[in-house]
C-alpha atoms as a PDB file:
ATOM      1  CA  UNK A   1      -0.039  -0.061   0.080  1.00  0.00           C
ATOM      2  CA  UNK A   2       1.351   3.361  -0.916  1.00  0.00           C
ATOM      3  CA  UNK A   3       1.331   6.223   1.444  1.00  0.00           C
ATOM      4  CA  UNK A   4      -0.755   9.204   0.427  1.00  0.00           C
ATOM      5  CA  UNK A   5       1.185  12.463  -0.144  1.00  0.00           C
ATOM      6  CA  UNK A   6       0.800  15.172   2.548  1.00  0.00           C
ATOM      7  CA  UNK A   7      -1.246  18.125   1.753  1.00  0.00           C
ATOM      8  CA  UNK A   8       1.011  20.998   0.703  1.00  0.00           C
ATOM      9  CA  UNK A   9       1.170  24.068   2.920  1.00  0.00           C
ATOM     10  CA  UNK A  10      -1.487  26.884   2.378  1.00  0.00           C
ATOM     11  CA  UNK A  11       0.895  29.413   0.865  1.00  0.00           C
ATOM     12  CA  UNK A  12       4.531  29.784   0.501  1.00  0.00           C
ATOM     13  CA  UNK A  13       6.348  31.996   2.894  1.00  0.00           C
ATOM     14  CA  UNK A  14       5.962  35.630   2.050  1.00  0.00           C
ATOM     15  CA  UNK A  15       3.209  35.171  -0.337  1.00  0.00           C
ATOM     16  CA  UNK A  16      -0.022  36.921   0.915  1.00  0.00           C
ATOM     17  CA  UNK A  17      -3.324  34.856   0.756  1.00  0.00           C
ATOM     18  CA  UNK A  18      -5.424  36.450  -1.976  1.00  0.00           C
ATOM     19  CA  UNK A  19      -8.766  38.047  -1.325  1.00  0.00           C
ATOM     20  CA  UNK A  20     -11.429  35.398  -1.671  1.00  0.00           C
ATOM     21  CA  UNK A  21     -15.147  36.157  -2.968  1.00  0.00           C
ATOM     22  CA  UNK A  22     -16.314  33.811  -0.236  1.00  0.00           C
ATOM     23  CA  UNK A  23     -16.077  33.300   3.550  1.00  0.00           C
ATOM     24  CA  UNK A  24     -13.885  30.514   4.785  1.00  0.00           C
ATOM     25  CA  UNK A  25     -15.369  28.344   7.563  1.00  0.00           C
ATOM     26  CA  UNK A  26     -13.704  28.490  10.964  1.00  0.00           C
ATOM     27  CA  UNK A  27     -11.306  25.478  10.413  1.00  0.00           C
ATOM     28  CA  UNK A  28     -10.942  25.878   6.544  1.00  0.00           C
ATOM     29  CA  UNK A  29      -7.499  26.516   4.971  1.00  0.00           C
ATOM     30  CA  UNK A  30      -6.819  27.389   1.509  1.00  0.00           C
ATOM     31  CA  UNK A  31      -4.531  24.924  -0.118  1.00  0.00           C
ATOM     32  CA  UNK A  32      -4.433  26.241  -3.804  1.00  0.00           C
ATOM     33  CA  UNK A  33      -5.619  29.285  -5.459  1.00  0.00           C
ATOM     34  CA  UNK A  34      -5.750  29.525  -9.297  1.00  0.00           C
ATOM     35  CA  UNK A  35      -6.625  31.403 -12.248  1.00  0.00           C
ATOM     36  CA  UNK A  36      -6.937  30.481 -15.876  1.00  0.00           C
ATOM     37  CA  UNK A  37      -3.576  30.229 -17.800  1.00  0.00           C
ATOM     38  CA  UNK A  38      -2.151  33.633 -18.720  1.00  0.00           C
ATOM     39  CA  UNK A  39      -2.512  32.715 -22.390  1.00  0.00           C
ATOM     40  CA  UNK A  40      -6.283  33.129 -22.076  1.00  0.00           C
ATOM     41  CA  UNK A  41      -5.958  36.707 -20.996  1.00  0.00           C
ATOM     42  CA  UNK A  42      -3.108  37.818 -23.129  1.00  0.00           C
ATOM     43  CA  UNK A  43      -4.187  36.047 -26.260  1.00  0.00           C
ATOM     44  CA  UNK A  44      -7.752  37.635 -26.202  1.00  0.00           C
ATOM     45  CA  UNK A  45      -6.369  40.898 -25.058  1.00  0.00           C
ATOM     46  CA  UNK A  46      -3.902  40.971 -28.265  1.00  0.00           C
ATOM     47  CA  UNK A  47      -7.145  40.406 -30.272  1.00  0.00           C
ATOM     48  CA  UNK A  48      -8.892  43.310 -28.606  1.00  0.00           C
ATOM     49  CA  UNK A  49      -5.908  45.676 -28.936  1.00  0.00           C
ATOM     50  CA  UNK A  50      -5.365  44.755 -32.585  1.00  0.00           C
ATOM     51  CA  UNK A  51      -8.978  45.087 -33.432  1.00  0.00           C
ATOM     52  CA  UNK A  52      -9.032  48.448 -31.737  1.00  0.00           C
ATOM     53  CA  UNK A  53      -5.879  49.736 -33.131  1.00  0.00           C
ATOM     54  CA  UNK A  54      -6.003  48.297 -36.607  1.00  0.00           C
ATOM     55  CA  UNK A  55      -9.630  49.229 -37.083  1.00  0.00           C
ATOM     56  CA  UNK A  56      -9.202  52.733 -35.818  1.00  0.00           C
ATOM     57  CA  UNK A  57      -6.108  53.213 -38.131  1.00  0.00           C
ATOM     58  CA  UNK A  58      -7.941  51.652 -41.166  1.00  0.00           C
ATOM     59  CA  UNK A  59     -10.779  53.918 -40.544  1.00  0.00           C
ATOM     60  CA  UNK A  60      -8.768  57.146 -40.334  1.00  0.00           C
ATOM     61  CA  UNK A  61      -6.952  56.348 -43.409  1.00  0.00           C
ATOM     62  CA  UNK A  62     -10.223  55.602 -45.207  1.00  0.00           C
ATOM     63  CA  UNK A  63     -11.695  58.922 -43.948  1.00  0.00           C
ATOM     64  CA  UNK A  64      -8.567  60.983 -44.746  1.00  0.00           C
ATOM     65  CA  UNK A  65      -8.436  59.583 -48.347  1.00  0.00           C
ATOM     66  CA  UNK A  66     -12.242  60.191 -48.959  1.00  0.00           C
ATOM     67  CA  UNK A  67     -13.527  63.370 -47.068  1.00  0.00           C
ATOM     68  CA  UNK A  68     -10.885  64.394 -44.499  1.00  0.00           C
ATOM     69  CA  UNK A  69     -11.810  65.664 -41.115  1.00  0.00           C
ATOM     70  CA  UNK A  70     -13.061  69.056 -42.255  1.00  0.00           C
ATOM     71  CA  UNK A  71     -16.658  70.053 -41.894  1.00  0.00           C
ATOM     72  CA  UNK A  72     -19.626  68.364 -40.143  1.00  0.00           C
ATOM     73  CA  UNK A  73     -19.084  64.966 -41.844  1.00  0.00           C
ATOM     74  CA  UNK A  74     -15.450  65.001 -40.614  1.00  0.00           C
ATOM     75  CA  UNK A  75     -16.402  65.692 -37.085  1.00  0.00           C
ATOM     76  CA  UNK A  76     -18.995  62.958 -36.993  1.00  0.00           C
ATOM     77  CA  UNK A  77     -16.563  60.418 -38.394  1.00  0.00           C
ATOM     78  CA  UNK A  78     -14.027  61.525 -35.709  1.00  0.00           C
ATOM     79  CA  UNK A  79     -16.680  60.952 -33.012  1.00  0.00           C
ATOM     80  CA  UNK A  80     -17.340  57.555 -34.497  1.00  0.00           C
ATOM     81  CA  UNK A  81     -13.610  56.775 -34.343  1.00  0.00           C
ATOM     82  CA  UNK A  82     -13.649  57.885 -30.690  1.00  0.00           C
ATOM     83  CA  UNK A  83     -16.587  55.625 -29.995  1.00  0.00           C
ATOM     84  CA  UNK A  84     -14.926  52.831 -31.833  1.00  0.00           C
ATOM     85  CA  UNK A  85     -11.726  53.060 -29.607  1.00  0.00           C
ATOM     86  CA  UNK A  86     -13.766  53.411 -26.501  1.00  0.00           C
ATOM     87  CA  UNK A  87     -15.761  50.331 -27.385  1.00  0.00           C
ATOM     88  CA  UNK A  88     -12.611  48.236 -27.700  1.00  0.00           C
ATOM     89  CA  UNK A  89     -11.240  49.844 -24.567  1.00  0.00           C
ATOM     90  CA  UNK A  90     -14.318  48.866 -22.583  1.00  0.00           C
ATOM     91  CA  UNK A  91     -14.151  45.241 -23.961  1.00  0.00           C
ATOM     92  CA  UNK A  92     -10.526  44.988 -22.893  1.00  0.00           C
ATOM     93  CA  UNK A  93     -11.391  46.333 -19.420  1.00  0.00           C
ATOM     94  CA  UNK A  94     -14.061  43.678 -19.077  1.00  0.00           C
ATOM     95  CA  UNK A  95     -11.914  40.985 -20.235  1.00  0.00           C
ATOM     96  CA  UNK A  96      -9.351  41.902 -17.687  1.00  0.00           C
ATOM     97  CA  UNK A  97     -12.084  42.085 -14.949  1.00  0.00           C
ATOM     98  CA  UNK A  98     -13.318  38.597 -15.900  1.00  0.00           C
ATOM     99  CA  UNK A  99      -9.784  37.231 -15.732  1.00  0.00           C
ATOM    100  CA  UNK A 100      -9.116  38.650 -12.452  1.00  0.00           C
ATOM    101  CA  UNK A 101     -12.413  37.394 -10.981  1.00  0.00           C
ATOM    102  CA  UNK A 102     -12.379  33.952 -12.563  1.00  0.00           C
ATOM    103  CA  UNK A 103     -10.884  31.751  -9.851  1.00  0.00           C
ATOM    104  CA  UNK A 104     -10.608  28.391  -8.324  1.00  0.00           C
ATOM    105  CA  UNK A 105      -9.843  27.591  -4.797  1.00  0.00           C
ATOM    106  CA  UNK A 106      -9.074  24.383  -3.179  1.00  0.00           C
ATOM    107  CA  UNK A 107      -9.488  24.342   0.604  1.00  0.00           C
ATOM    108  CA  UNK A 108      -9.041  21.488   2.977  1.00  0.00           C
ATOM    109  CA  UNK A 109     -12.924  20.933   2.777  1.00  0.00           C
ATOM    110  CA  UNK A 110     -14.006  21.980  -0.766  1.00  0.00           C
ATOM    111  CA  UNK A 111     -13.535  23.073  -4.289  1.00  0.00           C
ATOM    112  CA  UNK A 112     -14.784  26.472  -5.153  1.00  0.00           C
ATOM    113  CA  UNK A 113     -15.246  27.942  -8.587  1.00  0.00           C
ATOM    114  CA  UNK A 114     -16.064  31.677  -8.662  1.00  0.00           C
ATOM    115  CA  UNK A 115     -16.601  33.943 -11.688  1.00  0.00           C
ATOM    116  CA  UNK A 116     -17.640  37.480 -12.109  1.00  0.00           C
ATOM    117  CA  UNK A 117     -18.224  38.469 -15.643  1.00  0.00           C
ATOM    118  CA  UNK A 118     -19.018  42.116 -14.866  1.00  0.00           C
ATOM    119  CA  UNK A 119     -19.903  44.249 -11.838  1.00  0.00           C
ATOM    120  CA  UNK A 120     -23.581  42.956 -11.532  1.00  0.00           C
ATOM    121  CA  UNK A 121     -22.763  39.176 -11.933  1.00  0.00           C
ATOM    122  CA  UNK A 122     -21.336  36.630  -9.636  1.00  0.00           C
ATOM    123  CA  UNK A 123     -21.653  32.832 -10.081  1.00  0.00           C
ATOM    124  CA  UNK A 124     -20.046  30.543  -7.570  1.00  0.00           C
ATOM    125  CA  UNK A 125     -20.067  26.859  -7.352  1.00  0.00           C
ATOM    126  CA  UNK A 126     -18.801  24.603  -4.581  1.00  0.00           C
ATOM    127  CA  UNK A 127     -18.200  20.934  -4.152  1.00  0.00           C
ATOM    128  CA  UNK A 128     -17.132  19.078  -0.946  1.00  0.00           C
ATOM    129  CA  UNK A 129     -14.054  17.265  -1.290  1.00  0.00           C
ATOM    130  CA  UNK A 130     -15.542  14.042   0.105  1.00  0.00           C
ATOM    131  CA  UNK A 131     -17.957  14.181  -2.658  1.00  0.00           C
ATOM    132  CA  UNK A 132     -15.268  14.149  -5.384  1.00  0.00           C
ATOM    133  CA  UNK A 133     -15.328  10.496  -6.958  1.00  0.00           C
ATOM    134  CA  UNK A 134     -13.276  10.559 -10.133  1.00  0.00           C
ATOM    135  CA  UNK A 135     -10.732  13.070 -11.338  1.00  0.00           C
ATOM    136  CA  UNK A 136      -8.948  13.380 -14.633  1.00  0.00           C
ATOM    137  CA  UNK A 137      -6.545  15.754 -16.335  1.00  0.00           C
ATOM    138  CA  UNK A 138      -7.374  16.716 -19.978  1.00  0.00           C
ATOM    139  CA  UNK A 139      -4.541  18.451 -21.865  1.00  0.00           C
ATOM    140  CA  UNK A 140      -4.905  18.392 -25.657  1.00  0.00           C
ATOM    141  CA  UNK A 141      -2.960  20.218 -28.208  1.00  0.00           C
ATOM    142  CA  UNK A 142       0.499  21.620 -28.738  1.00  0.00           C
ATOM    143  CA  UNK A 143      -0.032  24.905 -26.825  1.00  0.00           C
ATOM    144  CA  UNK A 144      -1.600  23.033 -23.877  1.00  0.00           C
ATOM    145  CA  UNK A 145       1.574  20.742 -23.838  1.00  0.00           C
ATOM    146  CA  UNK A 146       4.168  23.310 -24.322  1.00  0.00           C
ATOM    147  CA  UNK A 147       2.756  25.804 -21.774  1.00  0.00           C
ATOM    148  CA  UNK A 148       1.459  23.063 -19.324  1.00  0.00           C
ATOM    149  CA  UNK A 149      -2.137  23.964 -18.900  1.00  0.00           C
ATOM    150  CA  UNK A 150      -5.394  22.026 -19.245  1.00  0.00           C
ATOM    151  CA  UNK A 151      -8.549  20.984 -17.433  1.00  0.00           C
ATOM    152  CA  UNK A 152      -9.075  19.194 -14.248  1.00  0.00           C
ATOM    153  CA  UNK A 153     -12.351  17.305 -14.370  1.00  0.00           C
ATOM    154  CA  UNK A 154     -13.876  16.065 -11.201  1.00  0.00           C
ATOM    155  CA  UNK A 155     -17.045  13.937 -11.033  1.00  0.00           C
ATOM    156  CA  UNK A 156     -18.934  14.606  -7.840  1.00  0.00           C
ATOM    157  CA  UNK A 157     -21.812  12.795  -6.059  1.00  0.00           C
ATOM    158  CA  UNK A 158     -23.282  16.468  -5.290  1.00  0.00           C
ATOM    159  CA  UNK A 159     -25.789  18.609  -7.166  1.00  0.00           C
ATOM    160  CA  UNK A 160     -23.400  19.485  -9.964  1.00  0.00           C
ATOM    161  CA  UNK A 161     -22.221  16.156 -11.358  1.00  0.00           C
ATOM    162  CA  UNK A 162     -19.150  17.479 -13.123  1.00  0.00           C
ATOM    163  CA  UNK A 163     -16.941  20.230 -11.634  1.00  0.00           C
ATOM    164  CA  UNK A 164     -14.492  21.410 -14.154  1.00  0.00           C
ATOM    165  CA  UNK A 165     -11.316  23.619 -13.586  1.00  0.00           C
ATOM    166  CA  UNK A 166     -10.892  24.922 -17.303  1.00  0.00           C
ATOM    167  CA  UNK A 167      -7.611  26.105 -18.739  1.00  0.00           C
ATOM    168  CA  UNK A 168      -5.836  25.769 -15.399  1.00  0.00           C
ATOM    169  CA  UNK A 169      -1.830  26.065 -15.079  1.00  0.00           C
ATOM    170  CA  UNK A 170      -0.081  22.805 -14.065  1.00  0.00           C
ATOM    171  CA  UNK A 171      -3.106  20.540 -13.957  1.00  0.00           C
ATOM    172  CA  UNK A 172      -1.169  17.520 -12.740  1.00  0.00           C
ATOM    173  CA  UNK A 173      -0.066  19.502  -9.647  1.00  0.00           C
ATOM    174  CA  UNK A 174      -3.714  20.709  -9.103  1.00  0.00           C
ATOM    175  CA  UNK A 175      -4.841  17.123  -9.392  1.00  0.00           C
ATOM    176  CA  UNK A 176      -2.437  16.012  -6.790  1.00  0.00           C
ATOM    177  CA  UNK A 177      -3.490  18.669  -4.339  1.00  0.00           C
ATOM    178  CA  UNK A 178      -7.166  17.916  -4.824  1.00  0.00           C
ATOM    179  CA  UNK A 179      -6.430  14.159  -4.604  1.00  0.00           C
ATOM    180  CA  UNK A 180      -4.587  14.581  -1.336  1.00  0.00           C
ATOM    181  CA  UNK A 181      -6.949  16.984   0.167  1.00  0.00           C
ATOM    182  CA  UNK A 182      -9.799  14.671  -0.720  1.00  0.00           C
ATOM    183  CA  UNK A 183      -8.080  11.612   0.796  1.00  0.00           C
ATOM    184  CA  UNK A 184      -7.348  13.734   4.015  1.00  0.00           C
ATOM    185  CA  UNK A 185     -10.983  14.895   4.271  1.00  0.00           C
ATOM    186  CA  UNK A 186     -12.365  11.405   3.927  1.00  0.00           C
ATOM    187  CA  UNK A 187      -9.891  10.033   6.599  1.00  0.00           C
ATOM    188  CA  UNK A 188     -10.948  12.891   8.979  1.00  0.00           C
ATOM    189  CA  UNK A 189     -14.592  11.801   8.417  1.00  0.00           C
ATOM    190  CA  UNK A 190     -13.797   8.173   8.989  1.00  0.00           C
ATOM    191  CA  UNK A 191     -11.589   8.625  11.984  1.00  0.00           C
ATOM    192  CA  UNK A 192     -12.982  11.569  13.946  1.00  0.00           C
ATOM    193  CA  UNK A 193     -10.759  12.870  16.731  1.00  0.00           C
END
């Protein structure tokens, strides 16, 4: 029989515990805090920036080559360009906001998935570790393999049958942390002090 690995310490020395969108229970400790891989943020942000900049430059060149910025038509087109750049700026901001507020936390008692898409939205799901039955790591594709990110899929006995941690960095380590925490939670239920 192999010995189960110990649960890693809550956070490395000198690293502050992040602000969580939920209250910890009295004896609950955060073992792992994660966001999606940085590629999900910077990849989309590059598309937003390119769309905003390239679109704005293209419209400016089109306007200058046809009517110019003189007169009422030019001022209307200049206002449209400002609105276009503002639109892409707002999209970039909300993408950043969602990335910062799309988190997963593994505690010694549960898995928590929390997402805020905008200021007036908050969705949170939680699964007790003792309800986690099967887990697997899914990592497909060249980028996923080279940059070491993928999905950790947990099948639970709870209300939500599948708990998925999408696009998470180092999914094998996350799986090991969840597995060790789940086994410790089950031992604590079986052998109360």
